[in-house]
Amino acid sequence: MPGNGKKRIETNENFSDAEKSCELIMSILSNYSPECIVNCQAATDVSLFKSLIEKHTGNQFVEKFSKAVQIAKHDIQRAVTHNKGIFNGLDAVILATGNDFRAVEANGHAYAARDGVYRALSDVEIRNDRFIFSLELPMTVGTVGGVTSLHPMAKRSLEILGNPSAAELMQIAGAVGLATNFSAIRSLISGGIQAGHMKMHLSNIMKQLGVTDMERSQIADEFSDRRISFSEVREYLSDLRSSR
């Protein structure tokens, strides 16, 4: 842009012979936008975490939480699943508002590997007895035009969110991603993700089998420390009903 405020128009005369002879392979915008960053942060007193893990103090909880995040900063095996937990929540917002979750994910994963090593997108800091959990990633979303305006569900989702601007939608999506990441790490350092998955699996099986409230309680007690499978739950339910 020249000093007089007028846009400079490039012509062939502005290019060298080598540049003029270049073959154009393709012309497309990139989904990578490292200059468009959303930062999200949550902070609270360490003492408030004292009851999140049974028999652990607040300090023990945040120390374990911090170690879990640091592992994801240095181990790609853990980092991939760690970041997937962020996108579990973030993608839901992107999809609901008619945006391209694949572009957002590709952008985030590229940013996670920007220094040549794939790392966690979130971070944690303990400072002056304060727990500070943060997330940083690039994101490009829209709230006007395209599917966001045409699809009734996307339009309604934006209305529910208060018709945010693109920048505000980035912040909302980032906050949801940070929340789901926190939830996943909390589960991992306490009872474990698997325990929650099995509880959900058992609940789904009982719904399929049409159990009563009384049967539900008995089945839950029986399978609290047993292997859970559809056939075993069905067999136990059959024995339970035949013994009445």
C-alpha atoms as a PDB file:
ATOM      1  CA  MET A   1       0.000   0.000   0.000  1.00  0.00           C
ATOM      2  CA  PRO A   2       1.687   3.284  -1.069  1.00  0.00           C
ATOM      3  CA  GLY A   3       1.687   6.342   1.143  1.00  0.00           C
ATOM      4  CA  ASN A   4      -1.150   8.106  -0.705  1.00  0.00           C
ATOM      5  CA  GLY A   5      -3.623   5.446   0.469  1.00  0.00           C
ATOM      6  CA  LYS A   6      -4.302   4.113  -3.031  1.00  0.00           C
ATOM      7  CA  LYS A   7      -4.054   0.389  -3.641  1.00  0.00           C
ATOM      8  CA  ARG A   8      -1.112  -0.590  -5.815  1.00  0.00           C
ATOM      9  CA  ILE A   9      -2.084  -2.630  -8.851  1.00  0.00           C
ATOM     10  CA  GLU A  10       0.478  -5.223  -9.893  1.00  0.00           C
ATOM     11  CA  THR A  11       1.013  -5.613 -13.640  1.00  0.00           C
ATOM     12  CA  ASN A  12       3.305  -7.838 -15.639  1.00  0.00           C
ATOM     13  CA  GLU A  13       5.828  -5.005 -15.723  1.00  0.00           C
ATOM     14  CA  ASN A  14       6.306  -5.395 -11.966  1.00  0.00           C
ATOM     15  CA  PHE A  15       7.493  -8.998 -12.246  1.00  0.00           C
ATOM     16  CA  SER A  16      10.818 -10.409 -13.340  1.00  0.00           C
ATOM     17  CA  ASP A  17      11.125 -12.651 -16.394  1.00  0.00           C
ATOM     18  CA  ALA A  18      11.481 -15.680 -14.109  1.00  0.00           C
ATOM     19  CA  GLU A  19       8.312 -14.763 -12.262  1.00  0.00           C
ATOM     20  CA  LYS A  20       6.420 -14.189 -15.504  1.00  0.00           C
ATOM     21  CA  SER A  21       7.382 -17.640 -16.755  1.00  0.00           C
ATOM     22  CA  CYS A  22       6.176 -19.459 -13.622  1.00  0.00           C
ATOM     23  CA  GLU A  23       3.445 -22.009 -14.208  1.00  0.00           C
ATOM     24  CA  LEU A  24       0.357 -21.548 -12.019  1.00  0.00           C
ATOM     25  CA  ILE A  25      -0.415 -24.929 -10.444  1.00  0.00           C
ATOM     26  CA  MET A  26      -3.407 -23.954  -8.320  1.00  0.00           C
ATOM     27  CA  SER A  27      -5.049 -21.015  -6.596  1.00  0.00           C
ATOM     28  CA  ILE A  28      -6.785 -21.607  -3.259  1.00  0.00           C
ATOM     29  CA  LEU A  29      -6.875 -20.109   0.211  1.00  0.00           C
ATOM     30  CA  SER A  30      -5.228 -22.029   3.049  1.00  0.00           C
ATOM     31  CA  ASN A  31      -7.110 -23.265   6.109  1.00  0.00           C
ATOM     32  CA  TYR A  32      -4.015 -22.566   8.202  1.00  0.00           C
ATOM     33  CA  SER A  33      -4.387 -19.202   9.948  1.00  0.00           C
ATOM     34  CA  PRO A  34      -1.666 -18.830  12.616  1.00  0.00           C
ATOM     35  CA  GLU A  35      -2.269 -15.088  12.679  1.00  0.00           C
ATOM     36  CA  CYS A  36      -5.889 -15.594  13.828  1.00  0.00           C
ATOM     37  CA  ILE A  37      -5.453 -16.941  17.360  1.00  0.00           C
ATOM     38  CA  VAL A  38      -8.017 -17.527  20.092  1.00  0.00           C
ATOM     39  CA  ASN A  39      -6.779 -17.540  23.688  1.00  0.00           C
ATOM     40  CA  CYS A  40      -8.960 -18.939  26.447  1.00  0.00           C
ATOM     41  CA  GLN A  41      -8.139 -19.083  30.149  1.00  0.00           C
ATOM     42  CA  ALA A  42      -9.810 -20.246  33.362  1.00  0.00           C
ATOM     43  CA  ALA A  43      -8.376 -19.559  36.801  1.00  0.00           C
ATOM     44  CA  THR A  44      -9.393 -20.380  40.354  1.00  0.00           C
ATOM     45  CA  ASP A  45      -7.946 -20.968  43.818  1.00  0.00           C
ATOM     46  CA  VAL A  46      -6.136 -24.280  44.274  1.00  0.00           C
ATOM     47  CA  SER A  47      -8.042 -24.894  47.527  1.00  0.00           C
ATOM     48  CA  LEU A  48     -11.328 -25.292  45.623  1.00  0.00           C
ATOM     49  CA  PHE A  49     -10.113 -28.578  44.147  1.00  0.00           C
ATOM     50  CA  LYS A  50      -9.816 -30.405  47.470  1.00  0.00           C
ATOM     51  CA  SER A  51     -12.850 -32.659  46.827  1.00  0.00           C
ATOM     52  CA  LEU A  52     -12.339 -33.438  43.126  1.00  0.00           C
ATOM     53  CA  ILE A  53     -10.259 -36.529  43.801  1.00  0.00           C
ATOM     54  CA  GLU A  54     -11.144 -38.681  46.769  1.00  0.00           C
ATOM     55  CA  LYS A  55      -8.522 -38.535  49.547  1.00  0.00           C
ATOM     56  CA  HIS A  56      -6.526 -35.853  47.700  1.00  0.00           C
ATOM     57  CA  THR A  57      -5.929 -32.251  48.723  1.00  0.00           C
ATOM     58  CA  GLY A  58      -6.306 -29.368  46.298  1.00  0.00           C
ATOM     59  CA  ASN A  59      -2.521 -29.180  45.912  1.00  0.00           C
ATOM     60  CA  GLN A  60      -2.296 -32.879  45.120  1.00  0.00           C
ATOM     61  CA  PHE A  61      -5.033 -32.547  42.491  1.00  0.00           C
ATOM     62  CA  VAL A  62      -3.456 -29.614  40.643  1.00  0.00           C
ATOM     63  CA  GLU A  63       0.000 -31.189  40.829  1.00  0.00           C
ATOM     64  CA  LYS A  64      -1.290 -34.367  39.227  1.00  0.00           C
ATOM     65  CA  PHE A  65      -3.280 -32.360  36.687  1.00  0.00           C
ATOM     66  CA  SER A  66      -0.216 -30.306  35.782  1.00  0.00           C
ATOM     67  CA  LYS A  67       1.884 -33.437  35.272  1.00  0.00           C
ATOM     68  CA  ALA A  68      -0.781 -34.878  32.964  1.00  0.00           C
ATOM     69  CA  VAL A  69      -0.681 -31.738  30.803  1.00  0.00           C
ATOM     70  CA  GLN A  70       3.133 -31.725  30.720  1.00  0.00           C
ATOM     71  CA  ILE A  71       3.134 -35.326  29.520  1.00  0.00           C
ATOM     72  CA  ALA A  72       0.948 -34.209  26.605  1.00  0.00           C
ATOM     73  CA  LYS A  73       3.452 -31.435  25.918  1.00  0.00           C
ATOM     74  CA  HIS A  74       6.289 -33.910  25.412  1.00  0.00           C
ATOM     75  CA  ASP A  75       4.745 -37.222  24.327  1.00  0.00           C
ATOM     76  CA  ILE A  76       3.004 -37.362  20.946  1.00  0.00           C
ATOM     77  CA  GLN A  77       1.132 -40.527  21.938  1.00  0.00           C
ATOM     78  CA  ARG A  78      -0.593 -38.622  24.714  1.00  0.00           C
ATOM     79  CA  ALA A  79      -0.754 -35.285  22.859  1.00  0.00           C
ATOM     80  CA  VAL A  80      -2.963 -36.682  20.082  1.00  0.00           C
ATOM     81  CA  THR A  81      -5.604 -37.949  22.512  1.00  0.00           C
ATOM     82  CA  HIS A  82      -5.244 -34.843  24.678  1.00  0.00           C
ATOM     83  CA  ASN A  83      -6.023 -32.560  21.733  1.00  0.00           C
ATOM     84  CA  LYS A  84      -8.815 -34.848  20.580  1.00  0.00           C
ATOM     85  CA  GLY A  85     -10.441 -34.149  23.941  1.00  0.00           C
ATOM     86  CA  ILE A  86     -10.306 -30.423  23.170  1.00  0.00           C
ATOM     87  CA  PHE A  87     -11.965 -30.911  19.796  1.00  0.00           C
ATOM     88  CA  ASN A  88     -14.660 -33.132  21.337  1.00  0.00           C
ATOM     89  CA  GLY A  89     -16.270 -29.965  22.649  1.00  0.00           C
ATOM     90  CA  LEU A  90     -14.984 -27.442  20.139  1.00  0.00           C
ATOM     91  CA  ASP A  91     -16.228 -29.427  17.137  1.00  0.00           C
ATOM     92  CA  ALA A  92     -19.744 -29.548  18.566  1.00  0.00           C
ATOM     93  CA  VAL A  93     -19.927 -25.745  18.527  1.00  0.00           C
ATOM     94  CA  ILE A  94     -18.417 -25.549  15.044  1.00  0.00           C
ATOM     95  CA  LEU A  95     -20.854 -28.126  13.640  1.00  0.00           C
ATOM     96  CA  ALA A  96     -23.898 -26.623  15.364  1.00  0.00           C
ATOM     97  CA  THR A  97     -23.187 -23.211  13.855  1.00  0.00           C
ATOM     98  CA  GLY A  98     -22.688 -24.491  10.309  1.00  0.00           C
ATOM     99  CA  ASN A  99     -18.929 -24.022  10.176  1.00  0.00           C
ATOM    100  CA  ASP A 100     -16.330 -26.437   8.783  1.00  0.00           C
ATOM    101  CA  PHE A 101     -15.038 -28.543  11.675  1.00  0.00           C
ATOM    102  CA  ARG A 102     -12.521 -30.330   9.417  1.00  0.00           C
ATOM    103  CA  ALA A 103     -10.881 -27.018   8.522  1.00  0.00           C
ATOM    104  CA  VAL A 104     -10.817 -25.964  12.182  1.00  0.00           C
ATOM    105  CA  GLU A 105      -9.295 -29.287  13.259  1.00  0.00           C
ATOM    106  CA  ALA A 106      -6.666 -29.281  10.502  1.00  0.00           C
ATOM    107  CA  ASN A 107      -5.751 -25.724  11.474  1.00  0.00           C
ATOM    108  CA  GLY A 108      -5.427 -26.651  15.152  1.00  0.00           C
ATOM    109  CA  HIS A 109      -3.379 -29.784  14.554  1.00  0.00           C
ATOM    110  CA  ALA A 110      -0.976 -27.909  12.268  1.00  0.00           C
ATOM    111  CA  TYR A 111      -0.537 -25.286  14.994  1.00  0.00           C
ATOM    112  CA  ALA A 112       0.111 -28.020  17.560  1.00  0.00           C
ATOM    113  CA  ALA A 113       3.066 -29.136  15.414  1.00  0.00           C
ATOM    114  CA  ARG A 114       4.294 -25.660  14.435  1.00  0.00           C
ATOM    115  CA  ASP A 115       7.728 -26.144  16.041  1.00  0.00           C
ATOM    116  CA  GLY A 116       8.276 -29.555  14.429  1.00  0.00           C
ATOM    117  CA  VAL A 117       6.942 -31.594  17.356  1.00  0.00           C
ATOM    118  CA  TYR A 118       3.256 -32.296  17.914  1.00  0.00           C
ATOM    119  CA  ARG A 119       2.246 -30.977  21.359  1.00  0.00           C
ATOM    120  CA  ALA A 120      -0.775 -30.330  23.568  1.00  0.00           C
ATOM    121  CA  LEU A 121      -2.721 -27.194  22.696  1.00  0.00           C
ATOM    122  CA  SER A 122      -3.631 -26.446  26.320  1.00  0.00           C
ATOM    123  CA  ASP A 123      -1.355 -25.546  29.207  1.00  0.00           C
ATOM    124  CA  VAL A 124      -1.545 -25.188  32.985  1.00  0.00           C
ATOM    125  CA  GLU A 125       0.248 -22.924  35.445  1.00  0.00           C
ATOM    126  CA  ILE A 126       0.189 -22.815  39.243  1.00  0.00           C
ATOM    127  CA  ARG A 127       0.980 -19.320  40.480  1.00  0.00           C
ATOM    128  CA  ASN A 128       0.383 -17.842  43.964  1.00  0.00           C
ATOM    129  CA  ASP A 129      -1.981 -20.688  44.889  1.00  0.00           C
ATOM    130  CA  ARG A 130      -3.975 -20.064  41.713  1.00  0.00           C
ATOM    131  CA  PHE A 131      -4.734 -22.742  39.139  1.00  0.00           C
ATOM    132  CA  ILE A 132      -4.569 -21.279  35.626  1.00  0.00           C
ATOM    133  CA  PHE A 133      -5.689 -23.503  32.749  1.00  0.00           C
ATOM    134  CA  SER A 134      -5.371 -22.091  29.248  1.00  0.00           C
ATOM    135  CA  LEU A 135      -5.851 -22.931  25.585  1.00  0.00           C
ATOM    136  CA  GLU A 136      -4.333 -21.340  22.489  1.00  0.00           C
ATOM    137  CA  LEU A 137      -5.090 -22.295  18.909  1.00  0.00           C
ATOM    138  CA  PRO A 138      -5.829 -20.686  15.547  1.00  0.00           C
ATOM    139  CA  MET A 139      -9.385 -20.682  14.306  1.00  0.00           C
ATOM    140  CA  THR A 140     -11.327 -19.191  11.407  1.00  0.00           C
ATOM    141  CA  VAL A 141     -15.122 -19.262  11.620  1.00  0.00           C
ATOM    142  CA  GLY A 142     -18.018 -17.321  10.170  1.00  0.00           C
ATOM    143  CA  THR A 143     -21.400 -16.158  11.433  1.00  0.00           C
ATOM    144  CA  VAL A 144     -22.725 -14.452   8.296  1.00  0.00           C
ATOM    145  CA  GLY A 145     -23.457 -15.988   4.905  1.00  0.00           C
ATOM    146  CA  GLY A 146     -23.186 -19.558   3.664  1.00  0.00           C
ATOM    147  CA  VAL A 147     -24.686 -22.383   5.699  1.00  0.00           C
ATOM    148  CA  THR A 148     -24.696 -20.278   8.880  1.00  0.00           C
ATOM    149  CA  SER A 149     -27.470 -18.136   7.399  1.00  0.00           C
ATOM    150  CA  LEU A 150     -29.302 -20.755   5.323  1.00  0.00           C
ATOM    151  CA  HIS A 151     -29.482 -23.842   7.556  1.00  0.00           C
ATOM    152  CA  PRO A 152     -32.291 -23.482  10.142  1.00  0.00           C
ATOM    153  CA  MET A 153     -30.391 -25.382  12.855  1.00  0.00           C
ATOM    154  CA  ALA A 154     -27.217 -23.374  12.335  1.00  0.00           C
ATOM    155  CA  LYS A 155     -29.241 -20.163  12.443  1.00  0.00           C
ATOM    156  CA  ARG A 156     -31.023 -21.279  15.619  1.00  0.00           C
ATOM    157  CA  SER A 157     -27.742 -22.293  17.256  1.00  0.00           C
ATOM    158  CA  LEU A 158     -26.343 -18.824  16.649  1.00  0.00           C
ATOM    159  CA  GLU A 159     -29.510 -17.293  18.094  1.00  0.00           C
ATOM    160  CA  ILE A 160     -29.128 -19.428  21.229  1.00  0.00           C
ATOM    161  CA  LEU A 161     -25.555 -18.181  21.539  1.00  0.00           C
ATOM    162  CA  GLY A 162     -26.779 -14.585  21.329  1.00  0.00           C
ATOM    163  CA  ASN A 163     -25.882 -14.035  17.660  1.00  0.00           C
ATOM    164  CA  PRO A 164     -22.146 -13.703  18.331  1.00  0.00           C
ATOM    165  CA  SER A 165     -19.670 -12.101  15.969  1.00  0.00           C
ATOM    166  CA  ALA A 166     -17.029 -14.352  14.387  1.00  0.00           C
ATOM    167  CA  ALA A 167     -14.530 -13.310  17.074  1.00  0.00           C
ATOM    168  CA  GLU A 168     -17.036 -14.060  19.843  1.00  0.00           C
ATOM    169  CA  LEU A 169     -17.870 -17.455  18.333  1.00  0.00           C
ATOM    170  CA  MET A 170     -14.157 -18.288  18.350  1.00  0.00           C
ATOM    171  CA  GLN A 171     -14.076 -17.475  22.066  1.00  0.00           C
ATOM    172  CA  ILE A 172     -17.162 -19.585  22.796  1.00  0.00           C
ATOM    173  CA  ALA A 173     -15.781 -22.573  20.892  1.00  0.00           C
ATOM    174  CA  GLY A 174     -12.418 -22.210  22.627  1.00  0.00           C
ATOM    175  CA  ALA A 175     -14.072 -22.096  26.058  1.00  0.00           C
ATOM    176  CA  VAL A 176     -16.057 -25.266  25.333  1.00  0.00           C
ATOM    177  CA  GLY A 177     -12.892 -26.996  24.116  1.00  0.00           C
ATOM    178  CA  LEU A 178     -11.061 -25.995  27.291  1.00  0.00           C
ATOM    179  CA  ALA A 179     -13.958 -27.282  29.421  1.00  0.00           C
ATOM    180  CA  THR A 180     -14.052 -30.710  27.757  1.00  0.00           C
ATOM    181  CA  ASN A 181     -10.262 -30.947  28.033  1.00  0.00           C
ATOM    182  CA  PHE A 182     -10.461 -30.209  31.764  1.00  0.00           C
ATOM    183  CA  SER A 183     -13.191 -32.825  32.205  1.00  0.00           C
ATOM    184  CA  ALA A 184     -11.167 -35.488  30.378  1.00  0.00           C
ATOM    185  CA  ILE A 185      -7.977 -34.847  32.339  1.00  0.00           C
ATOM    186  CA  ARG A 186      -9.866 -34.817  35.631  1.00  0.00           C
ATOM    187  CA  SER A 187     -11.325 -38.238  34.791  1.00  0.00           C
ATOM    188  CA  LEU A 188      -7.936 -39.608  33.746  1.00  0.00           C
ATOM    189  CA  ILE A 189      -6.190 -38.651  36.980  1.00  0.00           C
ATOM    190  CA  SER A 190      -9.027 -39.912  39.179  1.00  0.00           C
ATOM    191  CA  GLY A 191     -11.283 -42.842  38.313  1.00  0.00           C
ATOM    192  CA  GLY A 192     -10.181 -43.023  34.713  1.00  0.00           C
ATOM    193  CA  ILE A 193     -12.010 -42.526  31.433  1.00  0.00           C
ATOM    194  CA  GLN A 194     -12.690 -46.239  31.096  1.00  0.00           C
ATOM    195  CA  ALA A 195     -14.847 -46.324  34.222  1.00  0.00           C
ATOM    196  CA  GLY A 196     -17.103 -43.636  32.790  1.00  0.00           C
ATOM    197  CA  HIS A 197     -17.283 -45.378  29.432  1.00  0.00           C
ATOM    198  CA  MET A 198     -18.289 -48.654  31.057  1.00  0.00           C
ATOM    199  CA  LYS A 199     -20.956 -46.971  33.148  1.00  0.00           C
ATOM    200  CA  MET A 200     -22.405 -45.434  29.985  1.00  0.00           C
ATOM    201  CA  HIS A 201     -22.141 -48.775  28.197  1.00  0.00           C
ATOM    202  CA  LEU A 202     -24.084 -50.512  30.973  1.00  0.00           C
ATOM    203  CA  SER A 203     -26.744 -47.810  30.916  1.00  0.00           C
ATOM    204  CA  ASN A 204     -27.192 -48.234  27.154  1.00  0.00           C
ATOM    205  CA  ILE A 205     -27.488 -52.013  27.510  1.00  0.00           C
ATOM    206  CA  MET A 206     -30.153 -51.659  30.201  1.00  0.00           C
ATOM    207  CA  LYS A 207     -32.135 -49.303  27.978  1.00  0.00           C
ATOM    208  CA  GLN A 208     -32.030 -51.855  25.151  1.00  0.00           C
ATOM    209  CA  LEU A 209     -33.224 -54.588  27.503  1.00  0.00           C
ATOM    210  CA  GLY A 210     -36.048 -52.457  28.896  1.00  0.00           C
ATOM    211  CA  VAL A 211     -35.197 -52.957  32.580  1.00  0.00           C
ATOM    212  CA  THR A 212     -37.327 -51.516  35.374  1.00  0.00           C
ATOM    213  CA  ASP A 213     -36.029 -49.021  37.938  1.00  0.00           C
ATOM    214  CA  MET A 214     -35.656 -51.794  40.523  1.00  0.00           C
ATOM    215  CA  GLU A 215     -33.823 -54.039  38.059  1.00  0.00           C
ATOM    216  CA  ARG A 216     -31.597 -51.136  37.044  1.00  0.00           C
ATOM    217  CA  SER A 217     -30.404 -50.696  40.629  1.00  0.00           C
ATOM    218  CA  GLN A 218     -29.730 -54.427  41.053  1.00  0.00           C
ATOM    219  CA  ILE A 219     -27.875 -54.694  37.755  1.00  0.00           C
ATOM    220  CA  ALA A 220     -25.766 -51.637  38.558  1.00  0.00           C
ATOM    221  CA  ASP A 221     -24.738 -53.195  41.888  1.00  0.00           C
ATOM    222  CA  GLU A 222     -23.995 -56.567  40.293  1.00  0.00           C
ATOM    223  CA  PHE A 223     -21.798 -55.138  37.538  1.00  0.00           C
ATOM    224  CA  SER A 224     -20.001 -52.495  39.616  1.00  0.00           C
ATOM    225  CA  ASP A 225     -16.871 -54.673  39.585  1.00  0.00           C
ATOM    226  CA  ARG A 226     -17.693 -57.183  36.830  1.00  0.00           C
ATOM    227  CA  ARG A 227     -16.907 -57.304  33.128  1.00  0.00           C
ATOM    228  CA  ILE A 228     -19.734 -55.641  31.200  1.00  0.00           C
ATOM    229  CA  SER A 229     -21.080 -57.179  28.011  1.00  0.00           C
ATOM    230  CA  PHE A 230     -24.531 -57.309  26.465  1.00  0.00           C
ATOM    231  CA  SER A 231     -24.773 -61.095  26.740  1.00  0.00           C
ATOM    232  CA  GLU A 232     -23.743 -61.165  30.405  1.00  0.00           C
ATOM    233  CA  VAL A 233     -26.149 -58.407  31.402  1.00  0.00           C
ATOM    234  CA  ARG A 234     -28.959 -60.110  29.476  1.00  0.00           C
ATOM    235  CA  GLU A 235     -28.192 -63.436  31.148  1.00  0.00           C
ATOM    236  CA  TYR A 236     -28.146 -61.860  34.601  1.00  0.00           C
ATOM    237  CA  LEU A 237     -31.453 -60.073  33.910  1.00  0.00           C
ATOM    238  CA  SER A 238     -33.007 -63.344  32.758  1.00  0.00           C
ATOM    239  CA  ASP A 239     -31.885 -65.095  35.981  1.00  0.00           C
ATOM    240  CA  LEU A 240     -33.109 -62.149  38.037  1.00  0.00           C
ATOM    241  CA  ARG A 241     -36.570 -62.277  36.499  1.00  0.00           C
ATOM    242  CA  SER A 242     -36.886 -66.059  36.683  1.00  0.00           C
ATOM    243  CA  SER A 243     -36.031 -66.085  40.382  1.00  0.00           C
ATOM    244  CA  ARG A 244     -39.028 -63.959  41.324  1.00  0.00           C
END
